[in-house]
């Protein structure tokens, strides 16, 4: 009986459109409330990116310049080569001149003082070179070994190491020479200039340290300002996000409450119906009518599909049975026999129990076909098949038509005497069964069978083909022994 449809069945698409419009309206309202907040965040972000960040980067660049100037001053102080000293001085002047254009009086003033100090240091070092060179030239006029030794020492010493009190003792031995007094004055003047350079170097580095501290303080202040502004922006964004998410959550709860019974549960019932098709058994799936037209159409499709699956399962089962059963005798065919024999051998091997396999052949069946025709022969096959099938009562036992007039019987978990008893019982029942012709009941046919069987505990070296071969050899022995008998392989 077809299911009763609901009176009102609105389209799901129309309902979703209406709800979407409601959602859009509420969203626009929330955006309107938060628009001012977004403008403020945008303006602050632009200020941060256009003003604070460039200033912070510029301050960091100035700090790097200070470190470079400090290294150039050290090089000017320590270098011996005048050309290198001039290069370092020019490079430091270029860096210092960049501070003179800063819109900061303190930086401009300190940069001017540092530039003056660098020039003074370079000038004094140049004067020391001149004095050292003049002293060496004056010592060239003497041939005294001590003077020659002093000249060599003076030539090897850097200007910064010519200091009073640290000169070799040989200098003191030459002070007695009247002509050495002027040379000694030059050397002592170089020593005095070194003390002056030391103080100037300390003073210049102190200036650099003050500039570095000033820049660091300014950078720290700007970084703190930037961090504060970013924190404020984050707080505003958080407030906006909380507000917007609250609106979204409320909308979601509303939609969930509205569609819970009209959308979610119906979909779940449809899914359950689809899953139930796999286990529907011998009946089709019937579902309750649904509210929305589209979902109700799906429900009808599921019911139709369930009916189709039911019919296909029934047809497949029939095909499966046909593929396993011999069409003439109703017993299992050779394909199904091989499958069951393989399974029973594996089970027998796992549990270490015995397995028996009987091969049964109708005696003189070819002569019967020649004498009475194939229809009578087919009838005899059916009768013998039913006798053999009567001995399959337990799970795992199987009677099959092996081919032609040969039959097979699988008997798992059976004792050896019972195999003999069943084989003899089959042989006797077949020999005592009278088969009458359909068109002449006065004529009966007496048939006998030969049986060969094998009974053994299966191990890993055994296979189905070997077991069938043993049973077939036993059947051959029964035929060779005069037929209508049982032999064991």
Protein backbone atom coordinates (compact mmCIF):
# COMPACT_ATOMS: atom_id res chain seq x y z
CA UNK A 1 0.00 0.00 0.00
CA UNK A 2 1.50 3.37 -0.95
CA UNK A 3 2.38 5.65 1.95
CA UNK A 4 0.14 8.64 2.69
CA UNK A 5 1.68 11.97 1.69
CA UNK A 6 1.59 15.02 3.98
CA UNK A 7 -0.94 17.68 3.03
CA UNK A 8 1.62 20.51 3.15
CA UNK A 9 4.90 19.77 1.41
CA UNK A 10 6.86 22.99 0.80
CA UNK A 11 9.92 22.87 -1.42
CA UNK A 12 13.21 22.68 0.40
CA UNK A 13 14.82 25.08 -2.07
CA UNK A 14 12.22 27.79 -1.33
CA UNK A 15 12.61 27.31 2.41
CA UNK A 16 16.40 27.52 2.18
CA UNK A 17 16.06 30.70 0.11
CA UNK A 18 13.84 32.34 2.72
CA UNK A 19 16.14 31.35 5.58
CA UNK A 20 19.15 32.57 3.61
CA UNK A 21 17.51 35.96 3.13
CA UNK A 22 16.86 36.18 6.86
CA UNK A 23 20.48 35.27 7.51
CA UNK A 24 21.70 37.93 5.08
CA UNK A 25 19.53 40.59 6.72
CA UNK A 26 20.84 39.74 10.18
CA UNK A 27 24.37 39.65 8.85
CA UNK A 28 23.99 43.12 7.31
CA UNK A 29 22.65 44.41 10.61
CA UNK A 30 25.67 43.02 12.46
CA UNK A 31 28.00 44.50 9.85
CA UNK A 32 26.32 47.88 10.23
CA UNK A 33 26.95 47.86 13.99
CA UNK A 34 30.58 46.85 13.56
CA UNK A 35 31.41 49.12 10.61
CA UNK A 36 32.58 51.97 12.81
CA UNK A 37 34.85 49.63 14.73
CA UNK A 38 36.32 48.33 11.50
CA UNK A 39 37.02 51.88 10.27
CA UNK A 40 38.90 52.63 13.48
CA UNK A 41 40.93 49.45 13.20
CA UNK A 42 41.75 50.22 9.57
CA UNK A 43 42.89 53.77 10.37
CA UNK A 44 45.07 52.61 13.26
CA UNK A 45 46.57 49.87 11.13
CA UNK A 46 47.44 52.38 8.41
CA UNK A 47 49.03 54.69 10.96
CA UNK A 48 51.07 51.83 12.32
CA UNK A 49 52.25 50.66 8.91
CA UNK A 50 52.90 54.16 7.49
CA UNK A 51 54.46 55.91 10.50
CA UNK A 52 55.55 53.74 13.40
CA UNK A 53 56.99 50.85 11.44
CA UNK A 54 59.11 53.05 9.10
CA UNK A 55 60.40 55.03 12.11
CA UNK A 56 61.33 51.83 13.90
CA UNK A 57 63.12 50.50 10.82
CA UNK A 58 64.94 53.84 10.41
CA UNK A 59 66.07 53.75 14.04
CA UNK A 60 67.43 50.24 13.59
CA UNK A 61 69.34 51.38 10.51
CA UNK A 62 70.88 54.25 12.50
CA UNK A 63 72.00 51.80 15.18
CA UNK A 64 73.70 49.73 12.51
CA UNK A 65 75.43 52.88 11.25
CA UNK A 66 76.70 53.62 14.79
CA UNK A 67 78.23 50.14 14.98
CA UNK A 68 79.88 50.63 11.59
CA UNK A 69 81.27 54.04 12.66
CA UNK A 70 82.63 52.46 15.85
CA UNK A 71 84.44 49.79 13.82
CA UNK A 72 85.87 52.43 11.42
CA UNK A 73 87.21 54.48 14.36
CA UNK A 74 88.98 51.39 15.71
CA UNK A 75 90.43 50.72 12.27
CA UNK A 76 91.61 54.35 11.94
CA UNK A 77 93.27 54.06 15.34
CA UNK A 78 95.00 50.73 14.69
CA UNK A 79 95.81 50.80 10.97
CA UNK A 80 99.40 51.59 9.90
CA UNK A 81 98.77 52.25 6.22
CA UNK A 82 97.87 55.86 5.45
CA UNK A 83 95.80 55.01 2.39
CA UNK A 84 93.68 52.51 4.33
CA UNK A 85 93.28 55.04 7.11
CA UNK A 86 92.04 57.64 4.61
CA UNK A 87 89.55 55.15 3.12
CA UNK A 88 88.17 54.27 6.53
CA UNK A 89 87.92 57.95 7.44
CA UNK A 90 86.01 58.77 4.26
CA UNK A 91 83.60 55.86 4.78
CA UNK A 92 82.95 56.90 8.38
CA UNK A 93 82.39 60.50 7.27
CA UNK A 94 79.75 59.35 4.78
CA UNK A 95 77.90 57.54 7.56
CA UNK A 96 78.22 60.49 9.96
CA UNK A 97 76.98 62.96 7.35
CA UNK A 98 73.72 60.99 7.17
CA UNK A 99 73.09 61.94 10.81
CA UNK A 100 73.65 65.63 10.05
CA UNK A 101 70.50 65.59 7.92
CA UNK A 102 68.39 64.06 10.70
CA UNK A 103 65.61 66.23 12.04
CA UNK A 104 67.04 65.74 15.53
CA UNK A 105 69.32 68.42 17.11
CA UNK A 106 70.97 65.96 19.49
CA UNK A 107 71.93 63.54 16.72
CA UNK A 108 73.17 66.37 14.49
CA UNK A 109 75.29 67.87 17.30
CA UNK A 110 76.81 64.56 18.38
CA UNK A 111 77.47 63.56 14.77
CA UNK A 112 79.35 66.84 14.19
CA UNK A 113 81.49 66.26 17.31
CA UNK A 114 82.24 62.66 16.31
CA UNK A 115 83.22 63.79 12.82
CA UNK A 116 85.60 66.38 14.33
CA UNK A 117 87.12 63.71 16.62
CA UNK A 118 87.70 61.33 13.70
CA UNK A 119 89.44 64.05 11.73
CA UNK A 120 91.61 64.91 14.76
CA UNK A 121 92.54 61.26 15.29
CA UNK A 122 93.47 60.89 11.62
CA UNK A 123 95.45 64.15 11.69
CA UNK A 124 97.39 63.15 14.81
CA UNK A 125 98.13 59.70 13.40
CA UNK A 126 99.43 61.32 10.21
CA UNK A 127 101.66 63.64 12.31
CA UNK A 128 103.02 60.58 14.15
CA UNK A 129 103.93 58.95 10.87
CA UNK A 130 105.78 62.09 9.78
CA UNK A 131 107.71 62.31 13.09
CA UNK A 132 108.59 58.60 12.98
CA UNK A 133 109.80 58.91 9.39
CA UNK A 134 111.96 61.98 10.26
CA UNK A 135 113.48 60.18 13.26
CA UNK A 136 114.37 57.15 11.15
CA UNK A 137 115.96 59.39 8.49
CA UNK A 138 118.02 61.15 11.16
CA UNK A 139 119.27 57.81 12.54
CA UNK A 140 120.48 56.82 9.07
CA UNK A 141 123.42 59.26 9.52
CA UNK A 142 124.91 57.18 12.36
CA UNK A 143 127.11 54.10 11.89
CA UNK A 144 127.20 53.06 15.51
CA UNK A 145 125.85 49.48 15.93
CA UNK A 146 123.57 50.53 18.78
CA UNK A 147 122.13 53.32 16.66
CA UNK A 148 121.56 50.93 13.77
CA UNK A 149 119.79 48.59 16.17
CA UNK A 150 117.58 51.42 17.49
CA UNK A 151 116.78 52.47 13.92
CA UNK A 152 115.62 48.94 13.09
CA UNK A 153 113.47 48.76 16.21
CA UNK A 154 111.95 52.18 15.52
CA UNK A 155 111.15 51.18 11.93
CA UNK A 156 109.39 48.01 13.09
CA UNK A 157 107.31 49.62 15.83
CA UNK A 158 103.77 50.87 14.97
CA UNK A 159 103.15 54.50 15.94
CA UNK A 160 100.62 53.47 18.63
CA UNK A 161 103.30 51.40 20.46
CA UNK A 162 105.87 54.18 20.68
CA UNK A 163 105.33 55.21 24.30
CA UNK A 164 107.65 56.65 26.93
CA UNK A 165 108.66 54.06 29.49
CA UNK A 166 107.97 51.18 27.12
CA UNK A 167 110.85 51.75 24.69
CA UNK A 168 113.74 49.23 24.62
CA UNK A 169 116.74 49.92 26.90
CA UNK A 170 118.91 50.64 23.85
CA UNK A 171 117.18 54.02 23.53
CA UNK A 172 118.51 54.99 26.94
CA UNK A 173 122.10 54.24 25.95
CA UNK A 174 121.89 56.77 23.11
CA UNK A 175 120.72 59.70 25.17
CA UNK A 176 124.37 60.54 25.95
CA UNK A 177 124.91 61.42 22.31
CA UNK A 178 124.48 65.17 21.85
CA UNK A 179 123.12 64.75 18.35
CA UNK A 180 120.48 62.23 19.53
CA UNK A 181 118.57 64.82 21.62
CA UNK A 182 116.56 66.13 18.68
CA UNK A 183 115.61 62.58 17.63
CA UNK A 184 114.59 61.78 21.20
CA UNK A 185 112.30 64.82 21.23
CA UNK A 186 110.49 63.52 18.15
CA UNK A 187 110.05 60.09 19.73
CA UNK A 188 108.76 61.55 22.99
CA UNK A 189 106.39 63.77 21.02
CA UNK A 190 105.00 60.65 19.30
CA UNK A 191 104.50 59.10 22.76
CA UNK A 192 102.65 62.20 23.98
CA UNK A 193 100.45 62.11 20.90
CA UNK A 194 99.59 58.44 21.68
CA UNK A 195 98.35 59.45 25.12
CA UNK A 196 96.28 62.19 23.50
CA UNK A 197 94.88 59.70 20.96
CA UNK A 198 93.94 57.29 23.75
CA UNK A 199 91.88 59.99 25.46
CA UNK A 200 90.32 61.05 22.18
CA UNK A 201 89.41 57.44 21.34
CA UNK A 202 87.78 57.01 24.75
CA UNK A 203 85.90 60.30 24.38
CA UNK A 204 84.74 59.47 20.82
CA UNK A 205 83.51 56.03 21.85
CA UNK A 206 81.69 57.62 24.77
CA UNK A 207 79.93 59.92 22.31
CA UNK A 208 79.01 56.92 20.17
CA UNK A 209 77.70 55.12 23.23
CA UNK A 210 75.52 58.11 24.13
CA UNK A 211 74.13 58.21 20.60
CA UNK A 212 73.53 54.45 20.67
CA UNK A 213 71.78 54.71 24.04
CA UNK A 214 69.69 57.58 22.75
CA UNK A 215 68.67 55.63 19.65
CA UNK A 216 67.97 52.50 21.67
CA UNK A 217 65.78 54.45 24.06
CA UNK A 218 63.96 56.02 21.14
CA UNK A 219 63.57 52.61 19.46
CA UNK A 220 62.32 51.06 22.69
CA UNK A 221 59.79 53.86 23.09
CA UNK A 222 58.61 53.45 19.51
CA UNK A 223 58.46 49.66 19.91
CA UNK A 224 56.45 50.06 23.09
CA UNK A 225 54.14 52.47 21.31
CA UNK A 226 53.81 50.03 18.42
CA UNK A 227 53.12 47.13 20.79
CA UNK A 228 50.50 49.19 22.62
CA UNK A 229 48.81 50.14 19.36
CA UNK A 230 48.88 46.55 18.14
CA UNK A 231 47.45 45.38 21.46
CA UNK A 232 44.67 47.92 21.15
CA UNK A 233 43.95 46.78 17.60
CA UNK A 234 43.91 43.15 18.70
CA UNK A 235 41.51 43.97 21.51
CA UNK A 236 39.21 45.75 19.09
CA UNK A 237 39.39 42.90 16.62
CA UNK A 238 38.65 40.48 19.44
CA UNK A 239 35.61 42.47 20.46
CA UNK A 240 34.41 42.56 16.88
CA UNK A 241 35.05 38.83 16.44
CA UNK A 242 33.18 37.99 19.63
CA UNK A 243 30.26 40.13 18.56
CA UNK A 244 30.14 38.65 15.07
CA UNK A 245 30.59 35.08 16.30
CA UNK A 246 27.82 35.61 18.83
CA UNK A 247 25.50 36.62 16.00
CA UNK A 248 26.59 33.61 13.97
CA UNK A 249 26.08 31.23 16.90
CA UNK A 250 22.63 32.61 17.60
CA UNK A 251 21.71 32.25 13.94
CA UNK A 252 23.07 28.73 13.89
CA UNK A 253 21.12 27.74 16.99
CA UNK A 254 17.99 29.22 15.49
CA UNK A 255 18.46 27.38 12.21
CA UNK A 256 19.29 24.16 14.00
CA UNK A 257 16.17 24.44 16.13
CA UNK A 258 13.99 25.17 13.08
CA UNK A 259 15.36 22.44 10.82
CA UNK A 260 16.04 19.78 13.41
CA UNK A 261 12.72 18.05 12.93
CA UNK A 262 12.14 19.01 9.31
CA UNK A 263 15.60 18.42 7.82
CA UNK A 264 18.17 16.69 10.05
CA UNK A 265 16.02 13.87 11.35
CA UNK A 266 14.45 13.16 7.95
CA UNK A 267 17.91 12.96 6.39
CA UNK A 268 19.01 10.61 9.16
CA UNK A 269 15.96 8.44 8.51
CA UNK A 270 16.82 8.39 4.79
CA UNK A 271 20.41 7.39 5.57
CA UNK A 272 19.17 4.71 7.95
CA UNK A 273 16.84 3.49 5.22
CA UNK A 274 19.73 3.23 2.77
CA UNK A 275 21.82 1.31 5.30
CA UNK A 276 18.89 -0.97 6.10
CA UNK A 277 18.71 -2.04 2.45
CA UNK A 278 21.87 -4.08 2.97
CA UNK A 279 20.11 -6.15 5.66
CA UNK A 280 16.51 -5.95 4.48
CA UNK A 281 16.22 -9.72 4.18
CA UNK A 282 13.05 -10.98 2.51
CA UNK A 283 11.10 -7.72 2.71
CA UNK A 284 11.44 -4.25 1.25
CA UNK A 285 12.07 -1.02 3.19
CA UNK A 286 9.12 1.31 3.88
CA UNK A 287 9.76 4.84 5.26
CA UNK A 288 7.48 7.50 6.73
CA UNK A 289 6.39 10.39 4.45
CA UNK A 290 8.58 13.51 4.84
CA UNK A 291 7.70 17.20 5.09
CA UNK A 292 9.78 18.63 2.24
CA UNK A 293 8.93 17.65 -1.31
CA UNK A 294 12.54 16.98 -2.36
CA UNK A 295 13.18 14.74 0.65
CA UNK A 296 9.93 12.89 0.09
CA UNK A 297 11.01 12.25 -3.51
CA UNK A 298 14.25 10.80 -2.18
CA UNK A 299 12.22 8.62 0.20
CA UNK A 300 10.20 7.25 -2.70
CA UNK A 301 13.41 6.57 -4.61
CA UNK A 302 14.85 4.69 -1.63
CA UNK A 303 11.73 2.54 -1.40
CA UNK A 304 11.91 1.84 -5.14
CA UNK A 305 15.60 1.04 -4.83
CA UNK A 306 14.86 -1.28 -1.91
CA UNK A 307 12.38 -3.17 -4.07
CA UNK A 308 14.91 -3.38 -6.88
CA UNK A 309 17.61 -4.66 -4.51
CA UNK A 310 15.18 -7.21 -3.10
CA UNK A 311 14.42 -8.54 -6.57
CA UNK A 312 18.10 -8.55 -7.50
CA UNK A 313 19.04 -10.40 -4.30
CA UNK A 314 16.39 -12.98 -5.00
CA UNK A 315 17.61 -13.38 -8.57
CA UNK A 316 21.24 -13.56 -7.44
CA UNK A 317 20.36 -16.22 -4.88
CA UNK A 318 18.67 -18.25 -7.57
CA UNK A 319 21.68 -17.81 -9.84
CA UNK A 320 23.99 -18.79 -6.98
CA UNK A 321 21.97 -21.93 -6.37
CA UNK A 322 21.99 -22.75 -10.06
CA UNK A 323 25.75 -22.25 -10.21
CA UNK A 324 26.22 -24.73 -7.32
CA UNK A 325 23.60 -27.37 -8.12
CA UNK A 326 23.61 -29.98 -10.84
CA UNK A 327 20.58 -29.32 -13.00
CA UNK A 328 19.66 -33.00 -13.47
CA UNK A 329 20.12 -34.59 -10.04
CA UNK A 330 19.70 -31.61 -7.71
CA UNK A 331 23.01 -32.45 -6.01
CA UNK A 332 25.99 -30.14 -5.75
CA UNK A 333 27.99 -29.77 -8.95
CA UNK A 334 31.73 -30.22 -9.40
CA UNK A 335 32.49 -26.53 -8.77
CA UNK A 336 30.68 -26.48 -5.43
CA UNK A 337 32.23 -29.83 -4.52
CA UNK A 338 35.74 -28.44 -4.96
CA UNK A 339 34.87 -25.39 -2.84
CA UNK A 340 33.37 -27.39 0.06
CA UNK A 341 36.11 -30.04 -0.06
CA UNK A 342 38.76 -27.33 0.24
CA UNK A 343 36.96 -25.74 3.22
CA UNK A 344 36.45 -29.07 5.01
CA UNK A 345 40.08 -30.06 4.50
CA UNK A 346 41.22 -26.77 6.06
CA UNK A 347 38.83 -27.26 8.97
CA UNK A 348 39.95 -30.87 9.44
CA UNK A 349 43.58 -29.76 9.44
CA UNK A 350 42.94 -27.00 12.02
CA UNK A 351 41.02 -29.27 14.41
CA UNK A 352 42.93 -32.48 13.60
CA UNK A 353 39.88 -34.63 12.96
CA UNK A 354 39.35 -37.27 10.29
CA UNK A 355 37.72 -36.62 6.93
CA UNK A 356 36.13 -39.24 4.65
CA UNK A 357 35.55 -38.92 0.90
CA UNK A 358 33.44 -41.47 -1.01
CA UNK A 359 33.48 -41.94 -4.79
CA UNK A 360 30.34 -43.76 -6.06
CA UNK A 361 29.94 -45.05 -9.62
CA UNK A 362 26.85 -46.74 -11.16
CA UNK A 363 27.79 -50.12 -12.58
CA UNK A 364 27.19 -50.77 -16.29
CA UNK A 365 25.51 -47.40 -16.75
CA UNK A 366 26.60 -47.08 -20.38
CA UNK A 367 24.86 -50.36 -21.27
CA UNK A 368 21.71 -49.14 -19.52
CA UNK A 369 21.72 -45.97 -21.63
CA UNK A 370 22.25 -47.97 -24.79
CA UNK A 371 19.43 -50.40 -23.93
CA UNK A 372 16.75 -48.09 -22.54
CA UNK A 373 17.78 -44.65 -23.78
CA UNK A 374 19.06 -41.50 -22.10
CA UNK A 375 15.73 -40.55 -20.52
CA UNK A 376 15.73 -43.79 -18.51
CA UNK A 377 19.38 -43.21 -17.71
CA UNK A 378 18.63 -39.71 -16.43
CA UNK A 379 15.81 -41.12 -14.29
CA UNK A 380 18.19 -43.67 -12.79
CA UNK A 381 20.70 -40.92 -12.01
CA UNK A 382 18.01 -38.98 -10.13
CA UNK A 383 17.01 -42.04 -8.06
CA UNK A 384 20.60 -42.87 -7.09
CA UNK A 385 21.25 -39.17 -6.32
CA UNK A 386 18.33 -39.05 -3.87
CA UNK A 387 19.61 -42.20 -2.12
CA UNK A 388 23.07 -40.66 -1.68
CA UNK A 389 21.63 -37.29 -0.59
CA UNK A 390 19.79 -39.07 2.22
CA UNK A 391 23.17 -39.68 3.93
CA UNK A 392 23.97 -35.96 4.27
CA UNK A 393 22.45 -34.92 7.59
CA UNK A 394 25.20 -33.09 9.46
CA UNK A 395 26.91 -29.74 8.81
CA UNK A 396 29.71 -30.09 6.30
CA UNK A 397 28.38 -33.27 4.70
CA UNK A 398 27.82 -32.88 0.98
CA UNK A 399 26.57 -35.11 -1.84
CA UNK A 400 27.69 -34.05 -5.33
CA UNK A 401 27.61 -35.28 -8.88
CA UNK A 402 31.24 -35.67 -9.85
CA UNK A 403 30.54 -36.23 -13.52
CA UNK A 404 28.55 -38.62 -15.71
CA UNK A 405 27.41 -41.53 -13.51
CA UNK A 406 29.92 -40.77 -10.72
CA UNK A 407 28.93 -39.22 -7.39
CA UNK A 408 30.90 -37.97 -4.42
CA UNK A 409 30.06 -37.85 -0.72
CA UNK A 410 31.99 -35.74 1.83
CA UNK A 411 31.74 -36.93 5.46
CA UNK A 412 33.71 -34.81 7.98
CA UNK A 413 34.43 -35.78 11.62
CA UNK A 414 33.52 -39.45 11.21
CA UNK A 415 35.03 -42.62 12.61
CA UNK A 416 36.47 -45.26 10.33
CA UNK A 417 33.86 -47.97 11.11
CA UNK A 418 31.06 -45.50 10.40
CA UNK A 419 32.49 -44.83 6.94
CA UNK A 420 32.38 -48.54 6.14
CA UNK A 421 28.85 -48.79 7.50
CA UNK A 422 27.57 -45.83 5.44
CA UNK A 423 29.30 -47.03 2.27
CA UNK A 424 27.82 -50.51 2.63
CA UNK A 425 24.40 -49.04 3.43
CA UNK A 426 24.47 -46.95 0.25
CA UNK A 427 25.56 -49.94 -1.82
CA UNK A 428 22.81 -52.18 -0.38
CA UNK A 429 20.07 -49.55 -0.71
CA UNK A 430 20.98 -48.92 -4.35
CA UNK A 431 21.02 -52.63 -5.17
CA UNK A 432 17.64 -53.17 -3.49
CA UNK A 433 15.91 -50.28 -5.22
CA UNK A 434 13.77 -51.24 -8.20
CA UNK A 435 13.48 -48.59 -10.90
CA UNK A 436 10.40 -48.92 -13.13
CA UNK A 437 10.03 -47.58 -16.61
CA UNK A 438 7.57 -44.71 -16.91
CA UNK A 439 5.70 -46.25 -19.87
CA UNK A 440 5.89 -49.90 -18.71
CA UNK A 441 5.67 -50.62 -14.97
CA UNK A 442 6.05 -54.34 -15.64
CA UNK A 443 9.73 -53.82 -16.33
CA UNK A 444 12.01 -52.89 -13.43
CA UNK A 445 15.70 -52.13 -13.47
CA UNK A 446 18.04 -53.33 -10.76
CA UNK A 447 21.13 -51.18 -10.38
CA UNK A 448 24.30 -51.62 -8.38
CA UNK A 449 27.07 -49.20 -7.46
CA UNK A 450 30.79 -49.51 -6.78
CA UNK A 451 32.20 -47.41 -3.97
CA UNK A 452 35.75 -46.36 -3.17
CA UNK A 453 36.56 -44.19 -0.18
CA UNK A 454 39.45 -42.65 1.69
CA UNK A 455 39.49 -41.88 5.42
CA UNK A 456 42.37 -39.96 6.98
CA UNK A 457 43.48 -37.09 9.20
CA UNK A 458 44.42 -34.17 6.94
CA UNK A 459 47.84 -32.51 7.30
CA UNK A 460 49.57 -29.65 5.51
CA UNK A 461 50.96 -31.92 2.78
CA UNK A 462 47.50 -33.06 1.63
CA UNK A 463 45.41 -31.30 -0.98
CA UNK A 464 41.99 -31.83 -2.54
CA UNK A 465 43.32 -33.31 -5.76
CA UNK A 466 45.36 -35.91 -3.89
CA UNK A 467 42.35 -36.89 -1.77
CA UNK A 468 40.12 -37.23 -4.86
CA UNK A 469 42.81 -39.28 -6.55
CA UNK A 470 43.00 -41.72 -3.61
CA UNK A 471 39.23 -42.14 -3.56
CA UNK A 472 39.19 -42.66 -7.33
CA UNK A 473 41.88 -45.34 -7.05
CA UNK A 474 39.80 -47.11 -4.40
CA UNK A 475 36.80 -46.93 -6.76
CA UNK A 476 38.92 -48.47 -9.50
CA UNK A 477 39.80 -51.32 -7.13
CA UNK A 478 36.10 -51.87 -6.41
CA UNK A 479 35.34 -52.09 -10.15
CA UNK A 480 38.29 -54.42 -10.66
CA UNK A 481 36.97 -56.63 -7.84
CA UNK A 482 33.76 -57.35 -9.75
CA UNK A 483 31.70 -54.19 -8.96
CA UNK A 484 28.87 -53.87 -6.41
CA UNK A 485 31.40 -53.66 -3.58
CA UNK A 486 33.25 -51.18 -1.36
CA UNK A 487 37.02 -50.62 -1.26
CA UNK A 488 39.19 -48.32 0.85
CA UNK A 489 42.07 -46.33 -0.54
